[in-house]
Amino acid sequence: MSIVRDPDWLFQAFANLLANAIKCTPVGGIISARCTQLNDKTCFSVSDSGPGIDPAIRIECSKDSTVRN
């Protein structure tokens, strides 16, 4: 996903990822948020020990990805 320096959109996207991780991670689970630099790109990721996305709807979720130019 590419984002052209829209700080409000970036904040909302990252906040949504964190909120989802918090909501879906069981008590005592682990949430990890990372920010890494790779050449001229900054990568953000959030992972958690929750159950994940149901495989039956995983493909549908990937169709809703948004690319900002």
Protein backbone atom coordinates (compact mmCIF):
# COMPACT_ATOMS: atom_id res chain seq x y z
CA MET A 1 0.00 0.00 0.00
CA SER A 2 1.38 3.43 -0.87
CA ILE A 3 0.46 6.52 1.09
CA VAL A 4 1.37 10.01 0.00
CA ARG A 5 2.05 11.92 3.18
CA ASP A 6 -1.50 12.22 4.41
CA PRO A 7 -0.87 12.24 8.16
CA ASP A 8 -4.55 12.13 9.11
CA TRP A 9 -5.22 9.10 6.93
CA LEU A 10 -2.04 7.38 8.10
CA PHE A 11 -2.91 7.98 11.75
CA GLN A 12 -6.42 6.61 11.25
CA ALA A 13 -5.17 3.52 9.40
CA PHE A 14 -2.62 2.72 12.11
CA ALA A 15 -5.15 3.43 14.88
CA ASN A 16 -7.60 1.03 13.22
CA LEU A 17 -4.97 -1.71 13.06
CA LEU A 18 -4.12 -1.25 16.73
CA ALA A 19 -7.79 -1.09 17.78
CA ASN A 20 -8.51 -4.32 15.91
CA ALA A 21 -5.53 -6.03 17.54
CA ILE A 22 -6.66 -4.90 20.99
CA LYS A 23 -10.23 -6.02 20.35
CA CYS A 24 -9.28 -9.45 18.98
CA THR A 25 -6.40 -10.41 21.26
CA PRO A 26 -7.36 -12.50 24.27
CA VAL A 27 -6.36 -11.45 27.78
CA GLY A 28 -2.69 -12.31 28.24
CA GLY A 29 -2.11 -12.25 24.47
CA ILE A 30 0.62 -10.36 22.66
CA ILE A 31 0.34 -7.32 20.39
CA SER A 32 3.38 -6.12 18.47
CA ALA A 33 3.63 -2.83 16.56
CA ARG A 34 6.68 -2.15 14.42
CA CYS A 35 8.03 0.64 12.30
CA THR A 36 10.99 -0.17 10.07
CA GLN A 37 12.92 1.71 7.42
CA LEU A 38 13.78 -0.08 4.17
CA ASN A 39 15.71 2.06 1.72
CA ASP A 40 13.39 5.01 1.03
CA LYS A 41 10.26 3.36 2.45
CA THR A 42 8.87 3.26 5.96
CA CYS A 43 6.93 0.12 6.86
CA PHE A 44 4.41 -0.17 9.69
CA SER A 45 3.06 -3.48 10.89
CA VAL A 46 0.82 -4.71 13.66
CA SER A 47 0.54 -8.34 14.69
CA ASP A 48 -1.29 -10.05 17.51
CA SER A 49 -1.90 -13.47 19.00
CA GLY A 50 -5.63 -13.33 18.32
CA PRO A 51 -7.49 -15.92 16.23
CA GLY A 52 -6.92 -14.12 12.91
CA ILE A 53 -9.32 -13.65 10.03
CA ASP A 54 -11.66 -16.53 9.24
CA PRO A 55 -10.28 -18.21 6.09
CA ALA A 56 -13.79 -18.12 4.60
CA ILE A 57 -13.71 -14.31 4.42
CA ARG A 58 -9.95 -13.67 4.09
CA ILE A 59 -10.10 -13.28 0.29
CA GLU A 60 -12.96 -10.79 0.55
CA CYS A 61 -10.99 -8.69 3.03
CA SER A 62 -8.02 -8.43 0.69
CA LYS A 63 -10.26 -7.05 -2.08
CA ASP A 64 -11.01 -3.98 0.05
CA SER A 65 -7.42 -2.74 0.23
CA THR A 66 -6.93 0.93 -0.54
CA VAL A 67 -4.04 2.55 -2.35
CA ARG A 68 -3.57 6.27 -1.91
CA ASN A 69 -1.62 8.24 -4.52
